[in-house]
Amino acid sequence: LQFKLLWSYWATPSKLLTYQPVKLITEYFGEKLGFYFAWLGHYTKSLFIPSLLGLLVFIFGMATFSFDNPT
């Protein structure tokens, strides 16, 4: 029963961009893996702004590549 509940809330492609149900994960897999998935969700959210900055730097580098003079 918990597997089907976890599947319907988390493991379907339509729920790809929703929050993870950490409580259901903890009940099904245990506290260690529940904590791991909670940490992984927090870590992924915290890397969102640096990834946008990196993408902007990459786009700027590709846009100005033709003006680069080799030394």
PDB file of N, CA and C in Angstrom:
ATOM      1  N   LEU A   1       0.824  -1.194   0.000  1.00  0.00           N
ATOM      2  CA  LEU A   1       0.000   0.000   0.000  1.00  0.00           C
ATOM      3  C   LEU A   1       0.867   1.256   0.000  1.00  0.00           C
ATOM      4  N   GLN A   2       1.933   1.265   0.810  1.00  0.00           N
ATOM      5  CA  GLN A   2       2.791   2.449   0.843  1.00  0.00           C
ATOM      6  C   GLN A   2       3.535   2.632  -0.471  1.00  0.00           C
ATOM      7  N   PHE A   3       3.883   1.517  -1.114  1.00  0.00           N
ATOM      8  CA  PHE A   3       4.587   1.625  -2.392  1.00  0.00           C
ATOM      9  C   PHE A   3       3.706   2.310  -3.431  1.00  0.00           C
ATOM     10  N   LYS A   4       2.441   1.910  -3.511  1.00  0.00           N
ATOM     11  CA  LYS A   4       1.549   2.530  -4.495  1.00  0.00           C
ATOM     12  C   LYS A   4       1.293   3.990  -4.155  1.00  0.00           C
ATOM     13  N   LEU A   5       1.214   4.303  -2.858  1.00  0.00           N
ATOM     14  CA  LEU A   5       1.031   5.681  -2.440  1.00  0.00           C
ATOM     15  C   LEU A   5       2.257   6.517  -2.804  1.00  0.00           C
ATOM     16  N   LEU A   6       3.447   5.969  -2.535  1.00  0.00           N
ATOM     17  CA  LEU A   6       4.683   6.661  -2.893  1.00  0.00           C
ATOM     18  C   LEU A   6       4.797   6.808  -4.405  1.00  0.00           C
ATOM     19  N   TRP A   7       4.408   5.794  -5.148  1.00  0.00           N
ATOM     20  CA  TRP A   7       4.460   5.853  -6.606  1.00  0.00           C
ATOM     21  C   TRP A   7       3.539   6.947  -7.147  1.00  0.00           C
ATOM     22  N   SER A   8       2.343   7.056  -6.597  1.00  0.00           N
ATOM     23  CA  SER A   8       1.396   8.040  -7.123  1.00  0.00           C
ATOM     24  C   SER A   8       1.780   9.472  -6.755  1.00  0.00           C
ATOM     25  N   TYR A   9       2.508   9.663  -5.657  1.00  0.00           N
ATOM     26  CA  TYR A   9       2.894  11.017  -5.247  1.00  0.00           C
ATOM     27  C   TYR A   9       4.252  11.453  -5.790  1.00  0.00           C
ATOM     28  N   TRP A  10       5.101  10.532  -6.177  1.00  0.00           N
ATOM     29  CA  TRP A  10       6.483  10.904  -6.419  1.00  0.00           C
ATOM     30  C   TRP A  10       7.085  10.339  -7.691  1.00  0.00           C
ATOM     31  N   ALA A  11       6.837   9.098  -8.014  1.00  0.00           N
ATOM     32  CA  ALA A  11       7.618   8.407  -9.042  1.00  0.00           C
ATOM     33  C   ALA A  11       6.919   8.333 -10.388  1.00  0.00           C
ATOM     34  N   THR A  12       6.117   9.306 -10.715  1.00  0.00           N
ATOM     35  CA  THR A  12       5.505   9.336 -12.040  1.00  0.00           C
ATOM     36  C   THR A  12       6.058  10.526 -12.812  1.00  0.00           C
ATOM     37  N   PRO A  13       6.151  10.411 -14.118  1.00  0.00           N
ATOM     38  CA  PRO A  13       6.700  11.525 -14.899  1.00  0.00           C
ATOM     39  C   PRO A  13       5.907  12.822 -14.781  1.00  0.00           C
ATOM     40  N   SER A  14       4.609  12.723 -14.511  1.00  0.00           N
ATOM     41  CA  SER A  14       3.818  13.942 -14.380  1.00  0.00           C
ATOM     42  C   SER A  14       4.141  14.709 -13.102  1.00  0.00           C
ATOM     43  N   LYS A  15       4.745  14.063 -12.124  1.00  0.00           N
ATOM     44  CA  LYS A  15       5.095  14.700 -10.856  1.00  0.00           C
ATOM     45  C   LYS A  15       6.576  15.090 -10.803  1.00  0.00           C
ATOM     46  N   LEU A  16       7.180  15.260 -11.950  1.00  0.00           N
ATOM     47  CA  LEU A  16       8.623  15.500 -12.015  1.00  0.00           C
ATOM     48  C   LEU A  16       9.047  16.784 -11.313  1.00  0.00           C
ATOM     49  N   LEU A  17       8.275  17.841 -11.426  1.00  0.00           N
ATOM     50  CA  LEU A  17       8.675  19.132 -10.877  1.00  0.00           C
ATOM     51  C   LEU A  17       7.975  19.472  -9.564  1.00  0.00           C
ATOM     52  N   THR A  18       7.389  18.502  -8.885  1.00  0.00           N
ATOM     53  CA  THR A  18       6.734  18.758  -7.609  1.00  0.00           C
ATOM     54  C   THR A  18       7.700  18.452  -6.463  1.00  0.00           C
ATOM     55  N   TYR A  19       7.332  18.882  -5.268  1.00  0.00           N
ATOM     56  CA  TYR A  19       8.159  18.604  -4.104  1.00  0.00           C
ATOM     57  C   TYR A  19       8.149  17.114  -3.785  1.00  0.00           C
ATOM     58  N   GLN A  20       9.243  16.627  -3.226  1.00  0.00           N
ATOM     59  CA  GLN A  20       9.296  15.225  -2.862  1.00  0.00           C
ATOM     60  C   GLN A  20       8.573  14.993  -1.537  1.00  0.00           C
ATOM     61  N   PRO A  21       7.820  13.914  -1.438  1.00  0.00           N
ATOM     62  CA  PRO A  21       7.141  13.616  -0.177  1.00  0.00           C
ATOM     63  C   PRO A  21       8.098  12.953   0.805  1.00  0.00           C
ATOM     64  N   VAL A  22       8.851  13.756   1.529  1.00  0.00           N
ATOM     65  CA  VAL A  22       9.914  13.239   2.393  1.00  0.00           C
ATOM     66  C   VAL A  22       9.346  12.331   3.485  1.00  0.00           C
ATOM     67  N   LYS A  23       8.183  12.663   3.990  1.00  0.00           N
ATOM     68  CA  LYS A  23       7.592  11.832   5.042  1.00  0.00           C
ATOM     69  C   LYS A  23       7.256  10.436   4.520  1.00  0.00           C
ATOM     70  N   LEU A  24       6.687  10.363   3.317  1.00  0.00           N
ATOM     71  CA  LEU A  24       6.385   9.053   2.736  1.00  0.00           C
ATOM     72  C   LEU A  24       7.664   8.282   2.409  1.00  0.00           C
ATOM     73  N   ILE A  25       8.669   8.973   1.935  1.00  0.00           N
ATOM     74  CA  ILE A  25       9.951   8.324   1.639  1.00  0.00           C
ATOM     75  C   ILE A  25      10.563   7.774   2.912  1.00  0.00           C
ATOM     76  N   THR A  26      10.499   8.553   3.990  1.00  0.00           N
ATOM     77  CA  THR A  26      11.049   8.108   5.269  1.00  0.00           C
ATOM     78  C   THR A  26      10.287   6.901   5.800  1.00  0.00           C
ATOM     79  N   GLU A  27       8.959   6.899   5.669  1.00  0.00           N
ATOM     80  CA  GLU A  27       8.185   5.753   6.137  1.00  0.00           C
ATOM     81  C   GLU A  27       8.475   4.500   5.326  1.00  0.00           C
ATOM     82  N   TYR A  28       8.729   4.635   4.049  1.00  0.00           N
ATOM     83  CA  TYR A  28       8.955   3.473   3.198  1.00  0.00           C
ATOM     84  C   TYR A  28      10.394   2.971   3.270  1.00  0.00           C
ATOM     85  N   PHE A  29      11.363   3.875   3.168  1.00  0.00           N
ATOM     86  CA  PHE A  29      12.762   3.466   3.084  1.00  0.00           C
ATOM     87  C   PHE A  29      13.507   3.526   4.408  1.00  0.00           C
ATOM     88  N   GLY A  30      13.036   4.323   5.355  1.00  0.00           N
ATOM     89  CA  GLY A  30      13.736   4.468   6.629  1.00  0.00           C
ATOM     90  C   GLY A  30      14.296   5.872   6.773  1.00  0.00           C
ATOM     91  N   GLU A  31      14.781   6.154   7.976  1.00  0.00           N
ATOM     92  CA  GLU A  31      15.226   7.514   8.284  1.00  0.00           C
ATOM     93  C   GLU A  31      16.491   7.917   7.554  1.00  0.00           C
ATOM     94  N   LYS A  32      17.404   6.986   7.364  1.00  0.00           N
ATOM     95  CA  LYS A  32      18.662   7.350   6.704  1.00  0.00           C
ATOM     96  C   LYS A  32      18.430   7.792   5.259  1.00  0.00           C
ATOM     97  N   LEU A  33      17.648   7.033   4.517  1.00  0.00           N
ATOM     98  CA  LEU A  33      17.385   7.424   3.132  1.00  0.00           C
ATOM     99  C   LEU A  33      16.431   8.604   3.053  1.00  0.00           C
ATOM    100  N   GLY A  34      15.532   8.733   4.019  1.00  0.00           N
ATOM    101  CA  GLY A  34      14.671   9.911   4.060  1.00  0.00           C
ATOM    102  C   GLY A  34      15.477  11.176   4.253  1.00  0.00           C
ATOM    103  N   PHE A  35      16.457  11.126   5.162  1.00  0.00           N
ATOM    104  CA  PHE A  35      17.343  12.267   5.370  1.00  0.00           C
ATOM    105  C   PHE A  35      18.180  12.544   4.128  1.00  0.00           C
ATOM    106  N   TYR A  36      18.637  11.493   3.463  1.00  0.00           N
ATOM    107  CA  TYR A  36      19.429  11.662   2.242  1.00  0.00           C
ATOM    108  C   TYR A  36      18.623  12.384   1.164  1.00  0.00           C
ATOM    109  N   PHE A  37      17.381  11.973   0.943  1.00  0.00           N
ATOM    110  CA  PHE A  37      16.564  12.616  -0.075  1.00  0.00           C
ATOM    111  C   PHE A  37      16.200  14.045   0.314  1.00  0.00           C
ATOM    112  N   ALA A  38      16.004  14.300   1.597  1.00  0.00           N
ATOM    113  CA  ALA A  38      15.741  15.670   2.045  1.00  0.00           C
ATOM    114  C   ALA A  38      16.962  16.546   1.791  1.00  0.00           C
ATOM    115  N   TRP A  39      18.148  16.027   2.106  1.00  0.00           N
ATOM    116  CA  TRP A  39      19.385  16.781   1.869  1.00  0.00           C
ATOM    117  C   TRP A  39      19.605  17.005   0.378  1.00  0.00           C
ATOM    118  N   LEU A  40      19.339  15.991  -0.417  1.00  0.00           N
ATOM    119  CA  LEU A  40      19.525  16.104  -1.861  1.00  0.00           C
ATOM    120  C   LEU A  40      18.594  17.157  -2.454  1.00  0.00           C
ATOM    121  N   GLY A  41      17.352  17.226  -1.977  1.00  0.00           N
ATOM    122  CA  GLY A  41      16.428  18.252  -2.447  1.00  0.00           C
ATOM    123  C   GLY A  41      16.898  19.642  -2.062  1.00  0.00           C
ATOM    124  N   HIS A  42      17.392  19.789  -0.823  1.00  0.00           N
ATOM    125  CA  HIS A  42      17.908  21.088  -0.373  1.00  0.00           C
ATOM    126  C   HIS A  42      19.142  21.490  -1.182  1.00  0.00           C
ATOM    127  N   TYR A  43      20.033  20.565  -1.414  1.00  0.00           N
ATOM    128  CA  TYR A  43      21.269  20.836  -2.148  1.00  0.00           C
ATOM    129  C   TYR A  43      20.964  21.237  -3.596  1.00  0.00           C
ATOM    130  N   THR A  44      20.008  20.560  -4.212  1.00  0.00           N
ATOM    131  CA  THR A  44      19.631  20.878  -5.583  1.00  0.00           C
ATOM    132  C   THR A  44      19.035  22.280  -5.676  1.00  0.00           C
ATOM    133  N   LYS A  45      18.179  22.641  -4.704  1.00  0.00           N
ATOM    134  CA  LYS A  45      17.605  23.988  -4.699  1.00  0.00           C
ATOM    135  C   LYS A  45      18.682  25.044  -4.477  1.00  0.00           C
ATOM    136  N   SER A  46      19.672  24.750  -3.643  1.00  0.00           N
ATOM    137  CA  SER A  46      20.697  25.743  -3.354  1.00  0.00           C
ATOM    138  C   SER A  46      21.642  25.960  -4.538  1.00  0.00           C
ATOM    139  N   LEU A  47      21.702  25.040  -5.468  1.00  0.00           N
ATOM    140  CA  LEU A  47      22.569  25.198  -6.636  1.00  0.00           C
ATOM    141  C   LEU A  47      21.869  25.844  -7.824  1.00  0.00           C
ATOM    142  N   PHE A  48      20.623  26.257  -7.666  1.00  0.00           N
ATOM    143  CA  PHE A  48      19.870  26.825  -8.782  1.00  0.00           C
ATOM    144  C   PHE A  48      20.463  28.157  -9.242  1.00  0.00           C
ATOM    145  N   ILE A  49      20.729  29.082  -8.324  1.00  0.00           N
ATOM    146  CA  ILE A  49      21.275  30.402  -8.687  1.00  0.00           C
ATOM    147  C   ILE A  49      22.689  30.287  -9.260  1.00  0.00           C
ATOM    148  N   PRO A  50      23.602  29.492  -8.661  1.00  0.00           N
ATOM    149  CA  PRO A  50      24.919  29.351  -9.301  1.00  0.00           C
ATOM    150  C   PRO A  50      24.848  28.722 -10.699  1.00  0.00           C
ATOM    151  N   SER A  51      23.887  27.838 -10.923  1.00  0.00           N
ATOM    152  CA  SER A  51      23.771  27.258 -12.265  1.00  0.00           C
ATOM    153  C   SER A  51      23.294  28.297 -13.273  1.00  0.00           C
ATOM    154  N   LEU A  52      22.400  29.194 -12.866  1.00  0.00           N
ATOM    155  CA  LEU A  52      21.990  30.277 -13.762  1.00  0.00           C
ATOM    156  C   LEU A  52      23.151  31.213 -14.078  1.00  0.00           C
ATOM    157  N   LEU A  53      23.945  31.522 -13.077  1.00  0.00           N
ATOM    158  CA  LEU A  53      25.119  32.366 -13.290  1.00  0.00           C
ATOM    159  C   LEU A  53      26.106  31.692 -14.244  1.00  0.00           C
ATOM    160  N   GLY A  54      26.331  30.412 -14.063  1.00  0.00           N
ATOM    161  CA  GLY A  54      27.218  29.679 -14.969  1.00  0.00           C
ATOM    162  C   GLY A  54      26.693  29.642 -16.386  1.00  0.00           C
ATOM    163  N   LEU A  55      25.381  29.501 -16.535  1.00  0.00           N
ATOM    164  CA  LEU A  55      24.785  29.506 -17.863  1.00  0.00           C
ATOM    165  C   LEU A  55      24.947  30.869 -18.535  1.00  0.00           C
ATOM    166  N   LEU A  56      24.769  31.951 -17.775  1.00  0.00           N
ATOM    167  CA  LEU A  56      24.964  33.289 -18.337  1.00  0.00           C
ATOM    168  C   LEU A  56      26.414  33.524 -18.753  1.00  0.00           C
ATOM    169  N   VAL A  57      27.363  33.082 -17.938  1.00  0.00           N
ATOM    170  CA  VAL A  57      28.774  33.229 -18.285  1.00  0.00           C
ATOM    171  C   VAL A  57      29.096  32.424 -19.547  1.00  0.00           C
ATOM    172  N   PHE A  58      28.545  31.225 -19.662  1.00  0.00           N
ATOM    173  CA  PHE A  58      28.773  30.399 -20.846  1.00  0.00           C
ATOM    174  C   PHE A  58      28.209  31.069 -22.095  1.00  0.00           C
ATOM    175  N   ILE A  59      26.993  31.587 -22.005  1.00  0.00           N
ATOM    176  CA  ILE A  59      26.377  32.257 -23.158  1.00  0.00           C
ATOM    177  C   ILE A  59      27.178  33.493 -23.551  1.00  0.00           C
ATOM    178  N   PHE A  60      27.640  34.263 -22.558  1.00  0.00           N
ATOM    179  CA  PHE A  60      28.477  35.429 -22.854  1.00  0.00           C
ATOM    180  C   PHE A  60      29.779  35.005 -23.536  1.00  0.00           C
ATOM    181  N   GLY A  61      30.396  33.932 -23.062  1.00  0.00           N
ATOM    182  CA  GLY A  61      31.625  33.447 -23.678  1.00  0.00           C
ATOM    183  C   GLY A  61      31.421  32.989 -25.108  1.00  0.00           C
ATOM    184  N   MET A  62      30.306  32.319 -25.370  1.00  0.00           N
ATOM    185  CA  MET A  62      30.037  31.878 -26.735  1.00  0.00           C
ATOM    186  C   MET A  62      29.693  33.057 -27.651  1.00  0.00           C
ATOM    187  N   ALA A  63      29.035  34.070 -27.102  1.00  0.00           N
ATOM    188  CA  ALA A  63      28.667  35.233 -27.909  1.00  0.00           C
ATOM    189  C   ALA A  63      29.888  36.073 -28.267  1.00  0.00           C
ATOM    190  N   THR A  64      30.889  36.134 -27.396  1.00  0.00           N
ATOM    191  CA  THR A  64      32.067  36.966 -27.635  1.00  0.00           C
ATOM    192  C   THR A  64      33.274  36.149 -28.104  1.00  0.00           C
ATOM    193  N   PHE A  65      33.051  34.897 -28.473  1.00  0.00           N
ATOM    194  CA  PHE A  65      34.167  34.042 -28.888  1.00  0.00           C
ATOM    195  C   PHE A  65      34.826  34.543 -30.169  1.00  0.00           C
ATOM    196  N   SER A  66      34.065  35.058 -31.092  1.00  0.00           N
ATOM    197  CA  SER A  66      34.633  35.498 -32.372  1.00  0.00           C
ATOM    198  C   SER A  66      35.469  36.761 -32.233  1.00  0.00           C
ATOM    199  N   PHE A  67      35.287  37.512 -31.161  1.00  0.00           N
ATOM    200  CA  PHE A  67      36.069  38.736 -30.938  1.00  0.00           C
ATOM    201  C   PHE A  67      37.336  38.485 -30.128  1.00  0.00           C
ATOM    202  N   ASP A  68      37.593  37.244 -29.748  1.00  0.00           N
ATOM    203  CA  ASP A  68      38.727  36.916 -28.898  1.00  0.00           C
ATOM    204  C   ASP A  68      40.010  36.918 -29.717  1.00  0.00           C
ATOM    205  N   ASN A  69      41.034  37.632 -29.205  1.00  0.00           N
ATOM    206  CA  ASN A  69      42.344  37.640 -29.848  1.00  0.00           C
ATOM    207  C   ASN A  69      43.270  36.712 -29.077  1.00  0.00           C
ATOM    208  N   PRO A  70      43.805  35.670 -29.743  1.00  0.00           N
ATOM    209  CA  PRO A  70      44.730  34.794 -29.028  1.00  0.00           C
ATOM    210  C   PRO A  70      46.020  35.512 -28.658  1.00  0.00           C
ATOM    211  N   THR A  71      46.541  35.206 -27.515  1.00  0.00           N
ATOM    212  CA  THR A  71      47.769  35.871 -27.076  1.00  0.00           C
ATOM    213  C   THR A  71      48.984  35.090 -27.478  1.00  0.00           C
TER     214      THR A  71
END
